[in-house]
C-alpha atoms as a PDB file:
ATOM      1  CA  UNK A   1       0.103  -0.096   0.045  1.00  0.00           C
ATOM      2  CA  UNK A   2       0.864   2.952  -0.623  1.00  0.00           C
ATOM      3  CA  UNK A   3       2.531   5.238   2.300  1.00  0.00           C
ATOM      4  CA  UNK A   4       0.461   8.492   3.693  1.00  0.00           C
ATOM      5  CA  UNK A   5       2.180  11.352   3.016  1.00  0.00           C
ATOM      6  CA  UNK A   6       0.269  15.031   5.260  1.00  0.00           C
ATOM      7  CA  UNK A   7       2.161  18.191   4.213  1.00  0.00           C
ATOM      8  CA  UNK A   8       1.742  21.458   6.675  1.00  0.00           C
ATOM      9  CA  UNK A   9       2.760  24.851   5.388  1.00  0.00           C
ATOM     10  CA  UNK A  10       1.172  23.114   1.482  1.00  0.00           C
ATOM     11  CA  UNK A  11       0.802  26.718  -0.143  1.00  0.00           C
ATOM     12  CA  UNK A  12       4.173  28.254   0.930  1.00  0.00           C
ATOM     13  CA  UNK A  13       6.612  28.846  -0.998  1.00  0.00           C
ATOM     14  CA  UNK A  14       8.515  26.117  -0.958  1.00  0.00           C
ATOM     15  CA  UNK A  15       4.679  23.958   0.566  1.00  0.00           C
ATOM     16  CA  UNK A  16       3.573  24.502  -2.906  1.00  0.00           C
ATOM     17  CA  UNK A  17       6.598  23.328  -5.322  1.00  0.00           C
ATOM     18  CA  UNK A  18       6.221  20.059  -3.186  1.00  0.00           C
ATOM     19  CA  UNK A  19       3.433  19.841  -3.200  1.00  0.00           C
ATOM     20  CA  UNK A  20       3.530  19.917  -7.581  1.00  0.00           C
ATOM     21  CA  UNK A  21       6.183  17.720  -7.113  1.00  0.00           C
ATOM     22  CA  UNK A  22       4.652  14.516  -5.506  1.00  0.00           C
ATOM     23  CA  UNK A  23       1.417  15.646  -6.984  1.00  0.00           C
ATOM     24  CA  UNK A  24       2.817  14.794 -10.312  1.00  0.00           C
ATOM     25  CA  UNK A  25       4.659  11.351  -8.881  1.00  0.00           C
ATOM     26  CA  UNK A  26       1.160  10.116  -7.960  1.00  0.00           C
ATOM     27  CA  UNK A  27       2.167  10.666  -4.054  1.00  0.00           C
ATOM     28  CA  UNK A  28      -0.425   9.546  -2.280  1.00  0.00           C
ATOM     29  CA  UNK A  29       0.020  13.315  -0.676  1.00  0.00           C
ATOM     30  CA  UNK A  30      -2.463  15.587   2.277  1.00  0.00           C
ATOM     31  CA  UNK A  31      -2.052  19.038   2.158  1.00  0.00           C
ATOM     32  CA  UNK A  32      -2.462  21.652   4.495  1.00  0.00           C
ATOM     33  CA  UNK A  33      -2.686  25.243   5.299  1.00  0.00           C
ATOM     34  CA  UNK A  34      -3.869  28.180   6.524  1.00  0.00           C
ATOM     35  CA  UNK A  35      -6.917  29.252   6.916  1.00  0.00           C
ATOM     36  CA  UNK A  36      -8.672  26.596   7.444  1.00  0.00           C
ATOM     37  CA  UNK A  37      -5.447  24.329   9.211  1.00  0.00           C
ATOM     38  CA  UNK A  38      -3.513  26.030  12.105  1.00  0.00           C
ATOM     39  CA  UNK A  39      -0.715  23.903  12.944  1.00  0.00           C
ATOM     40  CA  UNK A  40      -0.590  24.998  16.668  1.00  0.00           C
ATOM     41  CA  UNK A  41      -4.375  23.881  16.911  1.00  0.00           C
ATOM     42  CA  UNK A  42      -3.139  20.795  18.720  1.00  0.00           C
ATOM     43  CA  UNK A  43      -6.146  19.273  18.049  1.00  0.00           C
ATOM     44  CA  UNK A  44      -6.336  20.089  14.150  1.00  0.00           C
ATOM     45  CA  UNK A  45      -2.864  18.401  14.638  1.00  0.00           C
ATOM     46  CA  UNK A  46      -3.252  15.245  16.066  1.00  0.00           C
ATOM     47  CA  UNK A  47      -6.838  14.878  13.266  1.00  0.00           C
ATOM     48  CA  UNK A  48      -4.349  15.703  10.339  1.00  0.00           C
ATOM     49  CA  UNK A  49      -2.179  13.058  11.393  1.00  0.00           C
ATOM     50  CA  UNK A  50      -4.451  10.754  12.379  1.00  0.00           C
ATOM     51  CA  UNK A  51      -3.431   8.066   9.802  1.00  0.00           C
ATOM     52  CA  UNK A  52      -0.080   9.078   8.111  1.00  0.00           C
ATOM     53  CA  UNK A  53       3.844   7.240   7.656  1.00  0.00           C
ATOM     54  CA  UNK A  54       5.435  10.749   6.702  1.00  0.00           C
ATOM     55  CA  UNK A  55       4.909  14.476   7.459  1.00  0.00           C
ATOM     56  CA  UNK A  56       6.862  17.417   5.901  1.00  0.00           C
ATOM     57  CA  UNK A  57       6.767  20.687   8.315  1.00  0.00           C
ATOM     58  CA  UNK A  58       6.754  23.342   5.777  1.00  0.00           C
ATOM     59  CA  UNK A  59       4.204  25.282   8.196  1.00  0.00           C
ATOM     60  CA  UNK A  60       6.731  28.222   9.609  1.00  0.00           C
ATOM     61  CA  UNK A  61       6.232  31.605  10.655  1.00  0.00           C
ATOM     62  CA  UNK A  62       8.616  33.262   8.525  1.00  0.00           C
ATOM     63  CA  UNK A  63       8.556  37.448   8.463  1.00  0.00           C
ATOM     64  CA  UNK A  64      11.790  37.048  10.060  1.00  0.00           C
ATOM     65  CA  UNK A  65      11.090  41.726  11.057  1.00  0.00           C
ATOM     66  CA  UNK A  66       7.786  41.326  12.376  1.00  0.00           C
ATOM     67  CA  UNK A  67       9.364  38.067  14.231  1.00  0.00           C
ATOM     68  CA  UNK A  68      10.986  40.607  16.300  1.00  0.00           C
ATOM     69  CA  UNK A  69       8.147  42.440  17.848  1.00  0.00           C
ATOM     70  CA  UNK A  70       5.570  39.255  17.780  1.00  0.00           C
ATOM     71  CA  UNK A  71       8.701  36.912  19.358  1.00  0.00           C
ATOM     72  CA  UNK A  72       5.519  34.662  20.726  1.00  0.00           C
ATOM     73  CA  UNK A  73       3.728  34.372  17.764  1.00  0.00           C
ATOM     74  CA  UNK A  74       6.472  33.285  16.437  1.00  0.00           C
ATOM     75  CA  UNK A  75       7.756  30.950  19.005  1.00  0.00           C
ATOM     76  CA  UNK A  76       4.495  29.117  19.093  1.00  0.00           C
ATOM     77  CA  UNK A  77       4.103  28.153  15.234  1.00  0.00           C
ATOM     78  CA  UNK A  78       8.028  27.154  14.591  1.00  0.00           C
ATOM     79  CA  UNK A  79       8.818  25.579  18.355  1.00  0.00           C
ATOM     80  CA  UNK A  80       5.848  24.838  20.184  1.00  0.00           C
ATOM     81  CA  UNK A  81       4.071  23.260  17.483  1.00  0.00           C
ATOM     82  CA  UNK A  82       7.127  21.672  16.374  1.00  0.00           C
ATOM     83  CA  UNK A  83       7.388  20.170  20.288  1.00  0.00           C
ATOM     84  CA  UNK A  84       3.547  19.206  19.565  1.00  0.00           C
ATOM     85  CA  UNK A  85       3.861  17.626  15.884  1.00  0.00           C
ATOM     86  CA  UNK A  86       7.106  15.288  16.928  1.00  0.00           C
ATOM     87  CA  UNK A  87       5.616  13.801  20.513  1.00  0.00           C
ATOM     88  CA  UNK A  88       2.261  12.841  18.250  1.00  0.00           C
ATOM     89  CA  UNK A  89       4.532  11.160  15.533  1.00  0.00           C
ATOM     90  CA  UNK A  90       6.107   9.411  18.360  1.00  0.00           C
ATOM     91  CA  UNK A  91       3.914   8.101  19.006  1.00  0.00           C
ATOM     92  CA  UNK A  92       2.530   6.859  15.983  1.00  0.00           C
ATOM     93  CA  UNK A  93       5.773   6.358  14.910  1.00  0.00           C
ATOM     94  CA  UNK A  94       5.641   8.856  11.946  1.00  0.00           C
ATOM     95  CA  UNK A  95       8.417   9.943   9.822  1.00  0.00           C
ATOM     96  CA  UNK A  96       9.621  13.557  10.250  1.00  0.00           C
ATOM     97  CA  UNK A  97      10.912  15.798   7.314  1.00  0.00           C
ATOM     98  CA  UNK A  98      11.026  19.430   9.313  1.00  0.00           C
ATOM     99  CA  UNK A  99      13.032  22.061   7.729  1.00  0.00           C
ATOM    100  CA  UNK A 100      14.950  25.153   9.367  1.00  0.00           C
ATOM    101  CA  UNK A 101      17.265  27.604   8.321  1.00  0.00           C
ATOM    102  CA  UNK A 102      20.060  29.278   7.898  1.00  0.00           C
ATOM    103  CA  UNK A 103      19.354  31.898  11.141  1.00  0.00           C
ATOM    104  CA  UNK A 104      20.349  29.666  13.397  1.00  0.00           C
ATOM    105  CA  UNK A 105      23.963  30.275  12.889  1.00  0.00           C
ATOM    106  CA  UNK A 106      25.910  33.849  13.946  1.00  0.00           C
ATOM    107  CA  UNK A 107      26.689  34.208  10.350  1.00  0.00           C
ATOM    108  CA  UNK A 108      30.602  34.758  11.287  1.00  0.00           C
ATOM    109  CA  UNK A 109      32.296  31.727  10.592  1.00  0.00           C
ATOM    110  CA  UNK A 110      34.538  32.250   8.126  1.00  0.00           C
ATOM    111  CA  UNK A 111      34.285  28.712   6.189  1.00  0.00           C
ATOM    112  CA  UNK A 112      31.021  27.189   5.355  1.00  0.00           C
ATOM    113  CA  UNK A 113      28.871  25.832   7.977  1.00  0.00           C
ATOM    114  CA  UNK A 114      28.646  21.722   9.342  1.00  0.00           C
ATOM    115  CA  UNK A 115      25.957  19.775  11.001  1.00  0.00           C
ATOM    116  CA  UNK A 116      28.468  19.874  14.299  1.00  0.00           C
ATOM    117  CA  UNK A 117      28.710  24.050  14.033  1.00  0.00           C
ATOM    118  CA  UNK A 118      27.342  25.347  17.471  1.00  0.00           C
ATOM    119  CA  UNK A 119      24.252  27.339  16.286  1.00  0.00           C
ATOM    120  CA  UNK A 120      23.830  30.459  17.692  1.00  0.00           C
ATOM    121  CA  UNK A 121      21.036  32.813  16.476  1.00  0.00           C
ATOM    122  CA  UNK A 122      21.207  36.355  16.651  1.00  0.00           C
ATOM    123  CA  UNK A 123      17.377  37.037  16.056  1.00  0.00           C
ATOM    124  CA  UNK A 124      14.126  36.021  16.699  1.00  0.00           C
ATOM    125  CA  UNK A 125      13.486  33.913  14.201  1.00  0.00           C
ATOM    126  CA  UNK A 126      16.468  31.470  14.331  1.00  0.00           C
ATOM    127  CA  UNK A 127      16.229  31.839  17.512  1.00  0.00           C
ATOM    128  CA  UNK A 128      11.981  30.209  17.382  1.00  0.00           C
ATOM    129  CA  UNK A 129      13.713  27.622  14.860  1.00  0.00           C
ATOM    130  CA  UNK A 130      16.056  26.602  15.947  1.00  0.00           C
ATOM    131  CA  UNK A 131      13.865  26.080  20.013  1.00  0.00           C
ATOM    132  CA  UNK A 132      12.553  24.391  17.070  1.00  0.00           C
ATOM    133  CA  UNK A 133      14.519  21.781  16.062  1.00  0.00           C
ATOM    134  CA  UNK A 134      15.383  20.792  19.803  1.00  0.00           C
ATOM    135  CA  UNK A 135      11.826  20.232  20.731  1.00  0.00           C
ATOM    136  CA  UNK A 136      12.042  17.840  17.351  1.00  0.00           C
ATOM    137  CA  UNK A 137      15.179  15.873  18.727  1.00  0.00           C
ATOM    138  CA  UNK A 138      14.197  15.492  22.227  1.00  0.00           C
ATOM    139  CA  UNK A 139      10.657  14.668  21.585  1.00  0.00           C
ATOM    140  CA  UNK A 140      11.301  11.417  18.595  1.00  0.00           C
ATOM    141  CA  UNK A 141      13.497   9.419  16.393  1.00  0.00           C
ATOM    142  CA  UNK A 142      12.579   9.157  14.129  1.00  0.00           C
ATOM    143  CA  UNK A 143      13.140  12.268  11.257  1.00  0.00           C
ATOM    144  CA  UNK A 144      15.693  14.556   9.546  1.00  0.00           C
ATOM    145  CA  UNK A 145      15.895  18.004   9.730  1.00  0.00           C
ATOM    146  CA  UNK A 146      16.887  19.567   6.253  1.00  0.00           C
ATOM    147  CA  UNK A 147      18.348  23.539   6.865  1.00  0.00           C
ATOM    148  CA  UNK A 148      17.474  25.966   3.688  1.00  0.00           C
ATOM    149  CA  UNK A 149      19.146  29.015   2.775  1.00  0.00           C
ATOM    150  CA  UNK A 150      17.883  32.156   1.003  1.00  0.00           C
ATOM    151  CA  UNK A 151      15.333  30.671  -1.169  1.00  0.00           C
ATOM    152  CA  UNK A 152      13.502  31.505  -3.532  1.00  0.00           C
ATOM    153  CA  UNK A 153      10.541  30.725  -5.461  1.00  0.00           C
ATOM    154  CA  UNK A 154       6.875  31.214  -7.654  1.00  0.00           C
ATOM    155  CA  UNK A 155       5.110  31.274  -4.480  1.00  0.00           C
ATOM    156  CA  UNK A 156       6.168  33.787  -1.817  1.00  0.00           C
ATOM    157  CA  UNK A 157       8.234  36.958  -1.169  1.00  0.00           C
ATOM    158  CA  UNK A 158      11.505  36.608  -1.490  1.00  0.00           C
ATOM    159  CA  UNK A 159      14.145  38.772  -2.545  1.00  0.00           C
ATOM    160  CA  UNK A 160      13.913  38.857  -5.915  1.00  0.00           C
ATOM    161  CA  UNK A 161      10.759  39.432  -6.150  1.00  0.00           C
ATOM    162  CA  UNK A 162      11.305  42.343  -3.882  1.00  0.00           C
ATOM    163  CA  UNK A 163      13.910  43.328  -5.975  1.00  0.00           C
ATOM    164  CA  UNK A 164      11.702  43.052  -9.080  1.00  0.00           C
ATOM    165  CA  UNK A 165       9.132  45.410  -7.690  1.00  0.00           C
ATOM    166  CA  UNK A 166      11.340  48.480  -6.816  1.00  0.00           C
ATOM    167  CA  UNK A 167      12.965  47.921 -10.194  1.00  0.00           C
ATOM    168  CA  UNK A 168       9.313  49.118 -11.439  1.00  0.00           C
ATOM    169  CA  UNK A 169       9.874  52.929  -9.977  1.00  0.00           C
ATOM    170  CA  UNK A 170      13.768  52.805 -10.225  1.00  0.00           C
ATOM    171  CA  UNK A 171      16.902  53.179 -12.388  1.00  0.00           C
ATOM    172  CA  UNK A 172      18.862  52.392  -9.684  1.00  0.00           C
ATOM    173  CA  UNK A 173      18.398  50.102  -6.542  1.00  0.00           C
ATOM    174  CA  UNK A 174      21.358  49.787  -3.430  1.00  0.00           C
ATOM    175  CA  UNK A 175      22.194  46.091  -2.494  1.00  0.00           C
ATOM    176  CA  UNK A 176      24.276  45.333   0.744  1.00  0.00           C
ATOM    177  CA  UNK A 177      28.039  43.179  -0.919  1.00  0.00           C
ATOM    178  CA  UNK A 178      28.990  42.414   2.331  1.00  0.00           C
ATOM    179  CA  UNK A 179      26.156  39.179   3.395  1.00  0.00           C
ATOM    180  CA  UNK A 180      27.138  35.839   1.589  1.00  0.00           C
ATOM    181  CA  UNK A 181      25.151  32.843   0.749  1.00  0.00           C
ATOM    182  CA  UNK A 182      23.597  30.371  -1.684  1.00  0.00           C
ATOM    183  CA  UNK A 183      20.348  31.578  -3.370  1.00  0.00           C
ATOM    184  CA  UNK A 184      18.072  28.532  -3.080  1.00  0.00           C
ATOM    185  CA  UNK A 185      15.193  27.488  -5.720  1.00  0.00           C
ATOM    186  CA  UNK A 186      11.630  25.956  -3.250  1.00  0.00           C
ATOM    187  CA  UNK A 187      12.099  24.099  -6.611  1.00  0.00           C
ATOM    188  CA  UNK A 188      15.121  22.544  -6.570  1.00  0.00           C
ATOM    189  CA  UNK A 189      14.568  22.134  -2.189  1.00  0.00           C
ATOM    190  CA  UNK A 190      11.747  19.911  -3.928  1.00  0.00           C
ATOM    191  CA  UNK A 191      13.731  17.372  -4.883  1.00  0.00           C
ATOM    192  CA  UNK A 192      15.241  17.002  -2.270  1.00  0.00           C
ATOM    193  CA  UNK A 193      13.112  16.752   0.410  1.00  0.00           C
ATOM    194  CA  UNK A 194      10.941  13.756  -2.314  1.00  0.00           C
ATOM    195  CA  UNK A 195      14.303  12.098  -2.237  1.00  0.00           C
ATOM    196  CA  UNK A 196      13.967  12.051   1.330  1.00  0.00           C
ATOM    197  CA  UNK A 197      10.305  10.891   0.582  1.00  0.00           C
ATOM    198  CA  UNK A 198      11.304   7.136  -0.441  1.00  0.00           C
ATOM    199  CA  UNK A 199      14.979   7.219   1.027  1.00  0.00           C
ATOM    200  CA  UNK A 200      14.268   8.109   4.576  1.00  0.00           C
ATOM    201  CA  UNK A 201      17.836   9.054   6.179  1.00  0.00           C
ATOM    202  CA  UNK A 202      17.752  10.270   9.806  1.00  0.00           C
ATOM    203  CA  UNK A 203      19.614  13.400  11.195  1.00  0.00           C
ATOM    204  CA  UNK A 204      19.988  17.213  10.541  1.00  0.00           C
ATOM    205  CA  UNK A 205      21.498  18.238   7.584  1.00  0.00           C
ATOM    206  CA  UNK A 206      22.459  21.166   5.106  1.00  0.00           C
ATOM    207  CA  UNK A 207      20.677  21.757   1.702  1.00  0.00           C
ATOM    208  CA  UNK A 208      21.843  24.997  -0.840  1.00  0.00           C
ATOM    209  CA  UNK A 209      22.656  25.293  -4.481  1.00  0.00           C
ATOM    210  CA  UNK A 210      27.018  25.005  -4.803  1.00  0.00           C
ATOM    211  CA  UNK A 211      28.855  27.844  -4.147  1.00  0.00           C
ATOM    212  CA  UNK A 212      28.043  31.065  -2.568  1.00  0.00           C
ATOM    213  CA  UNK A 213      27.873  34.843  -3.786  1.00  0.00           C
ATOM    214  CA  UNK A 214      26.995  38.041  -2.022  1.00  0.00           C
ATOM    215  CA  UNK A 215      23.601  39.496  -2.814  1.00  0.00           C
ATOM    216  CA  UNK A 216      24.967  42.462  -4.923  1.00  0.00           C
ATOM    217  CA  UNK A 217      26.398  40.036  -7.152  1.00  0.00           C
ATOM    218  CA  UNK A 218      23.844  38.173  -7.185  1.00  0.00           C
ATOM    219  CA  UNK A 219      21.007  41.103  -8.070  1.00  0.00           C
ATOM    220  CA  UNK A 220      23.366  41.344 -10.895  1.00  0.00           C
ATOM    221  CA  UNK A 221      23.292  38.099 -12.196  1.00  0.00           C
ATOM    222  CA  UNK A 222      19.615  38.750 -12.078  1.00  0.00           C
ATOM    223  CA  UNK A 223      18.987  42.028 -13.282  1.00  0.00           C
ATOM    224  CA  UNK A 224      21.987  40.987 -16.611  1.00  0.00           C
ATOM    225  CA  UNK A 225      19.581  37.620 -16.830  1.00  0.00           C
ATOM    226  CA  UNK A 226      16.050  39.286 -17.232  1.00  0.00           C
ATOM    227  CA  UNK A 227      18.180  42.198 -19.714  1.00  0.00           C
ATOM    228  CA  UNK A 228      17.573  44.886 -17.025  1.00  0.00           C
ATOM    229  CA  UNK A 229      18.814  48.329 -17.357  1.00  0.00           C
ATOM    230  CA  UNK A 230      19.215  48.914 -13.398  1.00  0.00           C
ATOM    231  CA  UNK A 231      22.196  50.094 -11.905  1.00  0.00           C
ATOM    232  CA  UNK A 232      23.335  48.200  -9.003  1.00  0.00           C
ATOM    233  CA  UNK A 233      25.081  49.625  -6.406  1.00  0.00           C
ATOM    234  CA  UNK A 234      27.207  47.878  -3.830  1.00  0.00           C
ATOM    235  CA  UNK A 235      26.087  48.499   0.652  1.00  0.00           C
ATOM    236  CA  UNK A 236      27.316  47.575   3.215  1.00  0.00           C
ATOM    237  CA  UNK A 237      24.303  46.563   6.187  1.00  0.00           C
ATOM    238  CA  UNK A 238      25.179  48.712   8.093  1.00  0.00           C
ATOM    239  CA  UNK A 239      23.240  51.488   6.215  1.00  0.00           C
ATOM    240  CA  UNK A 240      19.890  49.781   5.769  1.00  0.00           C
ATOM    241  CA  UNK A 241      18.787  49.626   9.517  1.00  0.00           C
ATOM    242  CA  UNK A 242      16.736  46.189  10.166  1.00  0.00           C
ATOM    243  CA  UNK A 243      14.118  45.446  13.104  1.00  0.00           C
ATOM    244  CA  UNK A 244      16.329  42.018  13.190  1.00  0.00           C
ATOM    245  CA  UNK A 245      20.320  40.941  11.558  1.00  0.00           C
ATOM    246  CA  UNK A 246      21.441  39.286   9.363  1.00  0.00           C
ATOM    247  CA  UNK A 247      23.744  36.483   9.828  1.00  0.00           C
ATOM    248  CA  UNK A 248      27.047  37.699   7.309  1.00  0.00           C
ATOM    249  CA  UNK A 249      27.942  34.203   6.098  1.00  0.00           C
ATOM    250  CA  UNK A 250      25.729  31.723   5.309  1.00  0.00           C
ATOM    251  CA  UNK A 251      27.721  28.994   2.897  1.00  0.00           C
ATOM    252  CA  UNK A 252      26.653  25.838   4.043  1.00  0.00           C
ATOM    253  CA  UNK A 253      28.836  22.493   3.155  1.00  0.00           C
ATOM    254  CA  UNK A 254      26.410  20.328   2.055  1.00  0.00           C
ATOM    255  CA  UNK A 255      28.726  17.323   1.502  1.00  0.00           C
ATOM    256  CA  UNK A 256      26.589  15.139   4.106  1.00  0.00           C
ATOM    257  CA  UNK A 257      23.290  15.234   2.152  1.00  0.00           C
ATOM    258  CA  UNK A 258      25.271  15.046  -1.431  1.00  0.00           C
ATOM    259  CA  UNK A 259      26.248  11.390  -0.129  1.00  0.00           C
ATOM    260  CA  UNK A 260      22.363  10.817  -0.510  1.00  0.00           C
ATOM    261  CA  UNK A 261      20.987  12.238  -3.590  1.00  0.00           C
ATOM    262  CA  UNK A 262      21.137  11.215  -6.867  1.00  0.00           C
ATOM    263  CA  UNK A 263      22.529  13.119  -8.169  1.00  0.00           C
ATOM    264  CA  UNK A 264      25.246  16.174  -7.723  1.00  0.00           C
ATOM    265  CA  UNK A 265      23.762  19.850  -6.527  1.00  0.00           C
ATOM    266  CA  UNK A 266      24.291  22.242  -9.589  1.00  0.00           C
ATOM    267  CA  UNK A 267      26.215  25.279  -8.893  1.00  0.00           C
ATOM    268  CA  UNK A 268      23.588  28.768  -7.369  1.00  0.00           C
ATOM    269  CA  UNK A 269      23.393  30.081 -11.656  1.00  0.00           C
ATOM    270  CA  UNK A 270      21.676  27.358 -13.173  1.00  0.00           C
ATOM    271  CA  UNK A 271      18.339  27.291 -11.583  1.00  0.00           C
ATOM    272  CA  UNK A 272      18.055  30.524 -10.590  1.00  0.00           C
ATOM    273  CA  UNK A 273      18.856  31.275 -14.414  1.00  0.00           C
ATOM    274  CA  UNK A 274      16.059  28.958 -15.219  1.00  0.00           C
ATOM    275  CA  UNK A 275      14.019  30.519 -12.378  1.00  0.00           C
ATOM    276  CA  UNK A 276      14.356  33.619 -13.831  1.00  0.00           C
ATOM    277  CA  UNK A 277      13.213  32.034 -17.537  1.00  0.00           C
ATOM    278  CA  UNK A 278       9.378  31.495 -16.018  1.00  0.00           C
ATOM    279  CA  UNK A 279       8.480  34.584 -14.618  1.00  0.00           C
END
């Protein structure tokens, strides 16, 4: 019999790409999301997991700025709900794939982050996501945590959509050149999760597109590929004060996850170019 999969956060950027992929592969997957489903409601969570083999948790409070002034809400979704999910899954022996973030690190490391590196989040969002990871590992033993970074996709707000929106009213844009990471398409991340559904590896994994860049270089690449005549001016993060501090380096070492995958992870430019062609 086909395994039953539950997808939490199915309408988000990653969730919607994952649902499309699994539906195309005829997997037995049930999507859940707001407004009909709320992960913080324990009864709804119990009901959703009633007869399930695998749960993929893409649900999260992801507004990094708002989380600073709404820590209770961020912790309720990103930590407390994950703890409840872990307890329910533990009773029923359900395999969990939980999505986390590069924001669990402070960004001060000069080499790529390994799964064994000690987290040190510098904002509320990162702290709430790390608390969720801990509650999952303390309450369940059948799980994979996949930390992602710099994600972009069709169904959600991200760096690319913001850039393009700003470019409609401006001929030049200032973009920070002191934040480094790897732009990661949610469609590619969905393929990785699809492999995890099939192989059920356990533990903590880092996943991002290969190579790395700065926000400034990424913006230049985007406008070049879109053939848009926008001047991109490099600046420092300190010139853009935000409510939440951002890690200056989000670079991941992805050797651990790569050893499980059927194909090598592509350099960030290739998927990004493919994505831009869909706009």
